[in-house]
Amino acid sequence: VMQQVGPKFAKADAVRNILEERATSIKGKAKAFLLNELNYTAADVLKAIEAEEAMVLLDWNNMIATNFPPVAVLLAGLLSPT
């Protein structure tokens, strides 16, 4: 009996693992999608009211890239003897 039932349980376990993995990834994708849509909506609202300084905060990566020196320069400054 175990020879007949064992492979079926293994298949059912594999299917359960696949479904759990997909459900977890869907949750993460839905969260990322919602946050992106909220950021785009906030950016459109700020453009409409012409609040440029607040829009800079929404685009954090671009703000850091344009206003801070590269990491190599920061490390060189930290490691310089003077």
Protein backbone atom coordinates (compact mmCIF):
# COMPACT_ATOMS: atom_id res chain seq x y z
CA VAL A 1 0.00 0.00 0.00
CA MET A 2 2.84 2.43 0.85
CA GLN A 3 4.39 1.85 -2.57
CA GLN A 4 1.20 3.12 -4.21
CA VAL A 5 0.40 5.95 -1.79
CA GLY A 6 3.94 7.24 -1.16
CA PRO A 7 4.53 8.80 -4.62
CA LYS A 8 1.10 10.45 -4.52
CA PHE A 9 1.91 12.07 -1.17
CA ALA A 10 5.24 13.27 -2.55
CA LYS A 11 3.49 14.84 -5.54
CA ALA A 12 0.92 16.48 -3.31
CA ASP A 13 3.68 17.89 -1.12
CA ALA A 14 5.49 19.28 -4.17
CA VAL A 15 2.29 20.92 -5.42
CA ARG A 16 1.67 22.44 -1.99
CA ASN A 17 5.20 23.87 -1.89
CA ILE A 18 4.81 25.41 -5.35
CA LEU A 19 1.48 27.01 -4.44
CA GLU A 20 2.86 28.39 -1.16
CA GLU A 21 5.87 29.86 -2.98
CA ARG A 22 3.68 31.52 -5.61
CA ALA A 23 1.32 32.93 -2.98
CA THR A 24 4.26 34.47 -1.14
CA SER A 25 5.68 36.04 -4.30
CA ILE A 26 2.26 37.41 -5.29
CA LYS A 27 2.01 39.15 -1.92
CA GLY A 28 5.38 40.86 -2.43
CA LYS A 29 4.56 41.87 -5.99
CA ALA A 30 1.19 43.29 -4.95
CA LYS A 31 2.83 45.35 -2.21
CA ALA A 32 5.47 46.71 -4.60
CA PHE A 33 2.83 47.52 -7.21
CA LEU A 34 0.66 49.38 -4.71
CA LEU A 35 3.58 51.41 -3.36
CA ASN A 36 4.69 52.34 -6.87
CA GLU A 37 1.19 53.47 -7.80
CA LEU A 38 0.93 55.55 -4.63
CA ASN A 39 4.29 57.18 -5.37
CA TYR A 40 3.25 58.00 -8.94
CA THR A 41 -0.05 59.42 -7.73
CA ALA A 42 1.69 61.56 -5.13
CA ALA A 43 4.16 62.79 -7.76
CA ASP A 44 1.31 63.75 -10.12
CA VAL A 45 -0.48 65.62 -7.33
CA LEU A 46 2.69 67.48 -6.39
CA LYS A 47 3.31 68.41 -10.03
CA ALA A 48 -0.24 69.73 -10.26
CA ILE A 49 0.26 71.98 -7.25
CA GLU A 50 3.81 72.81 -8.34
CA ALA A 51 5.51 71.60 -5.17
CA GLU A 52 8.94 70.82 -6.63
CA GLU A 53 10.72 70.55 -3.28
CA ALA A 54 8.34 67.84 -2.08
CA MET A 55 8.77 65.91 -5.34
CA VAL A 56 12.51 65.66 -4.64
CA LEU A 57 11.73 63.64 -1.53
CA LEU A 58 9.70 61.15 -3.56
CA ASP A 59 12.59 60.53 -5.93
CA TRP A 60 15.05 59.64 -3.16
CA ASN A 61 17.54 57.67 -5.27
CA ASN A 62 17.88 60.41 -7.86
CA MET A 63 18.22 63.06 -5.15
CA ILE A 64 21.04 61.13 -3.42
CA ALA A 65 22.80 60.46 -6.74
CA THR A 66 22.78 64.14 -7.75
CA ASN A 67 23.55 65.77 -4.40
CA PHE A 68 26.07 63.41 -2.80
CA PRO A 69 29.54 62.45 -4.03
CA PRO A 70 30.11 58.90 -5.25
CA VAL A 71 30.91 56.22 -2.68
CA ALA A 72 34.50 55.92 -3.93
CA VAL A 73 35.11 59.61 -3.22
CA LEU A 74 33.58 59.31 0.25
CA LEU A 75 35.76 56.32 1.09
CA ALA A 76 38.86 58.05 -0.25
CA GLY A 77 38.11 61.04 1.96
CA LEU A 78 37.64 58.84 5.00
CA LEU A 79 40.84 56.92 4.39
CA SER A 80 43.08 59.89 3.57
CA PRO A 81 45.79 60.59 6.15
CA THR A 82 44.91 64.25 6.71
